[in-house]
């Protein structure tokens, strides 16, 4: 679509990586997945407190990449 985004997404998707391990391990997995998604056409919008990454797909729809709860 050539038109810019004019409203919030109706649906917000969260992509979760495994949540086990320490904070540094979880952040490394989040960053690795975000990098994979950039190679697939996504864009990093914001990194939030080494907790999650807000991204956008090629059409500007935002989604987050974060760690699942540790089990």
PDB file of N, CA and C in Angstrom:
ATOM      1  N   UNK A   1       0.835  -1.179   0.000  1.00  0.00           N
ATOM      2  CA  UNK A   1       0.000   0.000   0.000  1.00  0.00           C
ATOM      3  C   UNK A   1       0.883   1.247   0.000  1.00  0.00           C
ATOM      4  N   UNK A   2       0.638   2.170  -0.859  1.00  0.00           N
ATOM      5  CA  UNK A   2       1.462   3.372  -0.911  1.00  0.00           C
ATOM      6  C   UNK A   2       1.105   4.403   0.161  1.00  0.00           C
ATOM      7  N   UNK A   3      -0.077   4.291   0.762  1.00  0.00           N
ATOM      8  CA  UNK A   3      -0.482   5.278   1.769  1.00  0.00           C
ATOM      9  C   UNK A   3       0.259   5.040   3.083  1.00  0.00           C
ATOM     10  N   UNK A   4       0.632   6.117   3.790  1.00  0.00           N
ATOM     11  CA  UNK A   4       1.289   5.952   5.087  1.00  0.00           C
ATOM     12  C   UNK A   4       0.289   5.472   6.141  1.00  0.00           C
ATOM     13  N   UNK A   5       0.813   4.924   7.207  1.00  0.00           N
ATOM     14  CA  UNK A   5      -0.012   4.464   8.319  1.00  0.00           C
ATOM     15  C   UNK A   5      -0.730   5.665   8.930  1.00  0.00           C
ATOM     16  N   UNK A   6      -2.048   5.546   9.149  1.00  0.00           N
ATOM     17  CA  UNK A   6      -2.815   6.665   9.703  1.00  0.00           C
ATOM     18  C   UNK A   6      -3.472   6.333  11.027  1.00  0.00           C
ATOM     19  N   UNK A   7      -3.442   5.089  11.461  1.00  0.00           N
ATOM     20  CA  UNK A   7      -4.082   4.692  12.715  1.00  0.00           C
ATOM     21  C   UNK A   7      -3.287   3.560  13.347  1.00  0.00           C
ATOM     22  N   UNK A   8      -3.623   3.261  14.608  1.00  0.00           N
ATOM     23  CA  UNK A   8      -2.987   2.146  15.286  1.00  0.00           C
ATOM     24  C   UNK A   8      -3.365   0.829  14.614  1.00  0.00           C
ATOM     25  N   UNK A   9      -2.498  -0.175  14.782  1.00  0.00           N
ATOM     26  CA  UNK A   9      -2.814  -1.505  14.276  1.00  0.00           C
ATOM     27  C   UNK A   9      -4.041  -2.039  15.008  1.00  0.00           C
ATOM     28  N   UNK A  10      -4.877  -2.755  14.300  1.00  0.00           N
ATOM     29  CA  UNK A  10      -6.006  -3.420  14.952  1.00  0.00           C
ATOM     30  C   UNK A  10      -5.541  -4.662  15.690  1.00  0.00           C
ATOM     31  N   UNK A  11      -4.447  -5.225  15.234  1.00  0.00           N
ATOM     32  CA  UNK A  11      -3.893  -6.434  15.817  1.00  0.00           C
ATOM     33  C   UNK A  11      -2.416  -6.208  16.062  1.00  0.00           C
ATOM     34  N   UNK A  12      -1.950  -6.566  17.242  1.00  0.00           N
ATOM     35  CA  UNK A  12      -0.521  -6.419  17.555  1.00  0.00           C
ATOM     36  C   UNK A  12       0.024  -7.808  17.842  1.00  0.00           C
ATOM     37  N   UNK A  13       1.039  -8.193  17.101  1.00  0.00           N
ATOM     38  CA  UNK A  13       1.635  -9.521  17.244  1.00  0.00           C
ATOM     39  C   UNK A  13       2.908  -9.421  18.066  1.00  0.00           C
ATOM     40  N   UNK A  14       3.090 -10.355  18.988  1.00  0.00           N
ATOM     41  CA  UNK A  14       4.337 -10.497  19.728  1.00  0.00           C
ATOM     42  C   UNK A  14       4.996 -11.800  19.292  1.00  0.00           C
ATOM     43  N   UNK A  15       6.263 -11.725  18.932  1.00  0.00           N
ATOM     44  CA  UNK A  15       7.047 -12.912  18.608  1.00  0.00           C
ATOM     45  C   UNK A  15       7.910 -13.197  19.827  1.00  0.00           C
ATOM     46  N   UNK A  16       7.837 -14.404  20.331  1.00  0.00           N
ATOM     47  CA  UNK A  16       8.555 -14.777  21.550  1.00  0.00           C
ATOM     48  C   UNK A  16       9.675 -15.759  21.250  1.00  0.00           C
ATOM     49  N   UNK A  17      10.835 -15.481  21.838  1.00  0.00           N
ATOM     50  CA  UNK A  17      11.953 -16.419  21.805  1.00  0.00           C
ATOM     51  C   UNK A  17      11.958 -17.145  23.144  1.00  0.00           C
ATOM     52  N   UNK A  18      12.671 -18.265  23.274  1.00  0.00           N
ATOM     53  CA  UNK A  18      12.708 -18.977  24.553  1.00  0.00           C
ATOM     54  C   UNK A  18      13.163 -18.071  25.705  1.00  0.00           C
ATOM     55  N   UNK A  19      12.490 -18.206  26.851  1.00  0.00           N
ATOM     56  CA  UNK A  19      12.744 -17.312  27.976  1.00  0.00           C
ATOM     57  C   UNK A  19      13.680 -17.850  29.043  1.00  0.00           C
ATOM     58  N   UNK A  20      14.265 -19.021  28.824  1.00  0.00           N
ATOM     59  CA  UNK A  20      15.151 -19.585  29.847  1.00  0.00           C
ATOM     60  C   UNK A  20      16.499 -18.850  29.862  1.00  0.00           C
ATOM     61  N   UNK A  21      17.250 -19.053  30.927  1.00  0.00           N
ATOM     62  CA  UNK A  21      18.580 -18.443  31.036  1.00  0.00           C
ATOM     63  C   UNK A  21      18.521 -17.061  31.669  1.00  0.00           C
ATOM     64  N   UNK A  22      19.686 -16.441  31.753  1.00  0.00           N
ATOM     65  CA  UNK A  22      19.790 -15.120  32.360  1.00  0.00           C
ATOM     66  C   UNK A  22      19.370 -14.013  31.411  1.00  0.00           C
ATOM     67  N   UNK A  23      19.347 -12.808  31.929  1.00  0.00           N
ATOM     68  CA  UNK A  23      18.908 -11.646  31.158  1.00  0.00           C
ATOM     69  C   UNK A  23      19.757 -11.439  29.906  1.00  0.00           C
ATOM     70  N   UNK A  24      21.057 -11.628  30.010  1.00  0.00           N
ATOM     71  CA  UNK A  24      21.939 -11.440  28.853  1.00  0.00           C
ATOM     72  C   UNK A  24      21.662 -12.482  27.768  1.00  0.00           C
ATOM     73  N   UNK A  25      21.410 -13.725  28.187  1.00  0.00           N
ATOM     74  CA  UNK A  25      21.096 -14.778  27.217  1.00  0.00           C
ATOM     75  C   UNK A  25      19.782 -14.485  26.500  1.00  0.00           C
ATOM     76  N   UNK A  26      18.771 -14.052  27.264  1.00  0.00           N
ATOM     77  CA  UNK A  26      17.473 -13.733  26.648  1.00  0.00           C
ATOM     78  C   UNK A  26      17.618 -12.574  25.673  1.00  0.00           C
ATOM     79  N   UNK A  27      18.363 -11.529  26.074  1.00  0.00           N
ATOM     80  CA  UNK A  27      18.539 -10.376  25.191  1.00  0.00           C
ATOM     81  C   UNK A  27      19.278 -10.778  23.907  1.00  0.00           C
ATOM     82  N   UNK A  28      20.262 -11.666  24.032  1.00  0.00           N
ATOM     83  CA  UNK A  28      20.992 -12.128  22.847  1.00  0.00           C
ATOM     84  C   UNK A  28      20.054 -12.864  21.898  1.00  0.00           C
ATOM     85  N   UNK A  29      19.140 -13.692  22.436  1.00  0.00           N
ATOM     86  CA  UNK A  29      18.181 -14.399  21.582  1.00  0.00           C
ATOM     87  C   UNK A  29      17.211 -13.428  20.923  1.00  0.00           C
ATOM     88  N   UNK A  30      16.770 -12.414  21.671  1.00  0.00           N
ATOM     89  CA  UNK A  30      15.868 -11.398  21.108  1.00  0.00           C
ATOM     90  C   UNK A  30      16.565 -10.676  19.961  1.00  0.00           C
ATOM     91  N   UNK A  31      17.803 -10.242  20.178  1.00  0.00           N
ATOM     92  CA  UNK A  31      18.552  -9.517  19.143  1.00  0.00           C
ATOM     93  C   UNK A  31      18.790 -10.393  17.910  1.00  0.00           C
ATOM     94  N   UNK A  32      19.105 -11.665  18.125  1.00  0.00           N
ATOM     95  CA  UNK A  32      19.332 -12.580  17.004  1.00  0.00           C
ATOM     96  C   UNK A  32      18.056 -12.719  16.168  1.00  0.00           C
ATOM     97  N   UNK A  33      16.908 -12.867  16.823  1.00  0.00           N
ATOM     98  CA  UNK A  33      15.645 -12.985  16.088  1.00  0.00           C
ATOM     99  C   UNK A  33      15.317 -11.678  15.368  1.00  0.00           C
ATOM    100  N   UNK A  34      15.550 -10.537  15.999  1.00  0.00           N
ATOM    101  CA  UNK A  34      15.301  -9.250  15.344  1.00  0.00           C
ATOM    102  C   UNK A  34      16.185  -9.101  14.106  1.00  0.00           C
ATOM    103  N   UNK A  35      17.428  -9.509  14.203  1.00  0.00           N
ATOM    104  CA  UNK A  35      18.337  -9.438  13.051  1.00  0.00           C
ATOM    105  C   UNK A  35      17.856 -10.333  11.918  1.00  0.00           C
ATOM    106  N   UNK A  36      17.348 -11.515  12.248  1.00  0.00           N
ATOM    107  CA  UNK A  36      16.804 -12.420  11.232  1.00  0.00           C
ATOM    108  C   UNK A  36      15.614 -11.763  10.538  1.00  0.00           C
ATOM    109  N   UNK A  37      14.765 -11.114  11.320  1.00  0.00           N
ATOM    110  CA  UNK A  37      13.580 -10.473  10.748  1.00  0.00           C
ATOM    111  C   UNK A  37      13.943  -9.250   9.906  1.00  0.00           C
ATOM    112  N   UNK A  38      15.021  -8.554  10.246  1.00  0.00           N
ATOM    113  CA  UNK A  38      15.497  -7.441   9.407  1.00  0.00           C
ATOM    114  C   UNK A  38      15.936  -7.995   8.050  1.00  0.00           C
ATOM    115  N   UNK A  39      16.646  -9.107   8.059  1.00  0.00           N
ATOM    116  CA  UNK A  39      17.071  -9.727   6.792  1.00  0.00           C
ATOM    117  C   UNK A  39      15.864 -10.146   5.950  1.00  0.00           C
ATOM    118  N   UNK A  40      14.735 -10.423   6.620  1.00  0.00           N
ATOM    119  CA  UNK A  40      13.516 -10.834   5.915  1.00  0.00           C
ATOM    120  C   UNK A  40      12.674  -9.640   5.473  1.00  0.00           C
ATOM    121  N   UNK A  41      13.122  -8.412   5.792  1.00  0.00           N
ATOM    122  CA  UNK A  41      12.398  -7.224   5.332  1.00  0.00           C
ATOM    123  C   UNK A  41      11.836  -6.344   6.425  1.00  0.00           C
ATOM    124  N   UNK A  42      11.983  -6.741   7.682  1.00  0.00           N
ATOM    125  CA  UNK A  42      11.484  -5.932   8.786  1.00  0.00           C
ATOM    126  C   UNK A  42      12.411  -4.769   9.101  1.00  0.00           C
ATOM    127  N   UNK A  43      11.926  -3.870   9.946  1.00  0.00           N
ATOM    128  CA  UNK A  43      12.691  -2.700  10.375  1.00  0.00           C
ATOM    129  C   UNK A  43      12.617  -2.584  11.893  1.00  0.00           C
ATOM    130  N   UNK A  44      13.738  -2.299  12.536  1.00  0.00           N
ATOM    131  CA  UNK A  44      13.732  -2.045  13.975  1.00  0.00           C
ATOM    132  C   UNK A  44      13.235  -0.626  14.198  1.00  0.00           C
ATOM    133  N   UNK A  45      12.193  -0.504  15.026  1.00  0.00           N
ATOM    134  CA  UNK A  45      11.634   0.799  15.373  1.00  0.00           C
ATOM    135  C   UNK A  45      12.263   1.299  16.665  1.00  0.00           C
ATOM    136  N   UNK A  46      12.395   0.404  17.653  1.00  0.00           N
ATOM    137  CA  UNK A  46      12.906   0.807  18.965  1.00  0.00           C
ATOM    138  C   UNK A  46      13.338  -0.420  19.759  1.00  0.00           C
ATOM    139  N   UNK A  47      14.430  -0.283  20.502  1.00  0.00           N
ATOM    140  CA  UNK A  47      14.832  -1.291  21.478  1.00  0.00           C
ATOM    141  C   UNK A  47      14.420  -0.754  22.840  1.00  0.00           C
ATOM    142  N   UNK A  48      13.659  -1.540  23.600  1.00  0.00           N
ATOM    143  CA  UNK A  48      13.091  -1.068  24.855  1.00  0.00           C
ATOM    144  C   UNK A  48      13.769  -1.746  26.044  1.00  0.00           C
ATOM    145  N   UNK A  49      14.633  -1.015  26.715  1.00  0.00           N
ATOM    146  CA  UNK A  49      15.247  -1.434  27.990  1.00  0.00           C
ATOM    147  C   UNK A  49      15.826  -2.841  27.992  1.00  0.00           C
ATOM    148  N   UNK A  50      16.416  -3.259  26.874  1.00  0.00           N
ATOM    149  CA  UNK A  50      16.978  -4.619  26.777  1.00  0.00           C
ATOM    150  C   UNK A  50      15.945  -5.664  27.192  1.00  0.00           C
ATOM    151  N   UNK A  51      14.674  -5.357  26.913  1.00  0.00           N
ATOM    152  CA  UNK A  51      13.559  -6.229  27.259  1.00  0.00           C
ATOM    153  C   UNK A  51      12.842  -6.752  26.021  1.00  0.00           C
ATOM    154  N   UNK A  52      12.605  -5.866  25.056  1.00  0.00           N
ATOM    155  CA  UNK A  52      11.988  -6.273  23.801  1.00  0.00           C
ATOM    156  C   UNK A  52      12.345  -5.278  22.699  1.00  0.00           C
ATOM    157  N   UNK A  53      12.089  -5.683  21.460  1.00  0.00           N
ATOM    158  CA  UNK A  53      12.369  -4.849  20.297  1.00  0.00           C
ATOM    159  C   UNK A  53      11.053  -4.616  19.565  1.00  0.00           C
ATOM    160  N   UNK A  54      10.738  -3.355  19.333  1.00  0.00           N
ATOM    161  CA  UNK A  54       9.573  -3.012  18.519  1.00  0.00           C
ATOM    162  C   UNK A  54      10.055  -2.963  17.076  1.00  0.00           C
ATOM    163  N   UNK A  55       9.321  -3.660  16.206  1.00  0.00           N
ATOM    164  CA  UNK A  55       9.706  -3.735  14.798  1.00  0.00           C
ATOM    165  C   UNK A  55       8.509  -3.388  13.934  1.00  0.00           C
ATOM    166  N   UNK A  56       8.761  -3.223  12.642  1.00  0.00           N
ATOM    167  CA  UNK A  56       7.683  -3.005  11.683  1.00  0.00           C
ATOM    168  C   UNK A  56       7.921  -3.885  10.471  1.00  0.00           C
ATOM    169  N   UNK A  57       6.827  -4.383   9.916  1.00  0.00           N
ATOM    170  CA  UNK A  57       6.941  -5.141   8.673  1.00  0.00           C
ATOM    171  C   UNK A  57       7.067  -4.159   7.509  1.00  0.00           C
ATOM    172  N   UNK A  58       7.276  -4.637   6.297  1.00  0.00           N
ATOM    173  CA  UNK A  58       7.466  -3.728   5.164  1.00  0.00           C
ATOM    174  C   UNK A  58       6.305  -2.750   4.934  1.00  0.00           C
ATOM    175  N   UNK A  59       5.105  -3.073   5.430  1.00  0.00           N
ATOM    176  CA  UNK A  59       3.957  -2.183   5.271  1.00  0.00           C
ATOM    177  C   UNK A  59       3.784  -1.231   6.451  1.00  0.00           C
ATOM    178  N   UNK A  60       4.674  -1.324   7.439  1.00  0.00           N
ATOM    179  CA  UNK A  60       4.610  -0.431   8.596  1.00  0.00           C
ATOM    180  C   UNK A  60       3.826  -0.948   9.775  1.00  0.00           C
ATOM    181  N   UNK A  61       3.316  -2.180   9.707  1.00  0.00           N
ATOM    182  CA  UNK A  61       2.597  -2.770  10.836  1.00  0.00           C
ATOM    183  C   UNK A  61       3.601  -3.142  11.920  1.00  0.00           C
ATOM    184  N   UNK A  62       3.368  -2.661  13.130  1.00  0.00           N
ATOM    185  CA  UNK A  62       4.312  -2.895  14.218  1.00  0.00           C
ATOM    186  C   UNK A  62       4.052  -4.213  14.933  1.00  0.00           C
ATOM    187  N   UNK A  63       5.127  -4.795  15.427  1.00  0.00           N
ATOM    188  CA  UNK A  63       5.069  -6.004  16.236  1.00  0.00           C
ATOM    189  C   UNK A  63       6.275  -5.989  17.163  1.00  0.00           C
ATOM    190  N   UNK A  64       6.256  -6.831  18.184  1.00  0.00           N
ATOM    191  CA  UNK A  64       7.359  -6.872  19.149  1.00  0.00           C
ATOM    192  C   UNK A  64       8.035  -8.235  19.138  1.00  0.00           C
ATOM    193  N   UNK A  65       9.320  -8.227  19.462  1.00  0.00           N
ATOM    194  CA  UNK A  65      10.081  -9.456  19.658  1.00  0.00           C
ATOM    195  C   UNK A  65      10.572  -9.418  21.105  1.00  0.00           C
ATOM    196  N   UNK A  66      10.210 -10.432  21.873  1.00  0.00           N
ATOM    197  CA  UNK A  66      10.609 -10.486  23.272  1.00  0.00           C
ATOM    198  C   UNK A  66      10.776 -11.920  23.697  1.00  0.00           C
ATOM    199  N   UNK A  67      11.110 -12.111  24.962  1.00  0.00           N
ATOM    200  CA  UNK A  67      11.315 -13.452  25.505  1.00  0.00           C
ATOM    201  C   UNK A  67      10.036 -13.946  26.159  1.00  0.00           C
ATOM    202  N   UNK A  68       9.762 -15.228  25.983  1.00  0.00           N
ATOM    203  CA  UNK A  68       8.645 -15.861  26.658  1.00  0.00           C
ATOM    204  C   UNK A  68       8.956 -15.937  28.150  1.00  0.00           C
ATOM    205  N   UNK A  69       7.945 -16.075  28.970  1.00  0.00           N
ATOM    206  CA  UNK A  69       8.210 -16.255  30.399  1.00  0.00           C
ATOM    207  C   UNK A  69       9.067 -17.499  30.629  1.00  0.00           C
ATOM    208  N   UNK A  70       9.987 -17.408  31.565  1.00  0.00           N
ATOM    209  CA  UNK A  70      10.832 -18.562  31.898  1.00  0.00           C
ATOM    210  C   UNK A  70       9.943 -19.649  32.498  1.00  0.00           C
ATOM    211  N   UNK A  71      10.226 -20.877  32.113  1.00  0.00           N
ATOM    212  CA  UNK A  71       9.403 -21.984  32.658  1.00  0.00           C
ATOM    213  C   UNK A  71      10.158 -22.783  33.659  1.00  0.00           C
TER     214      UNK A  71
END
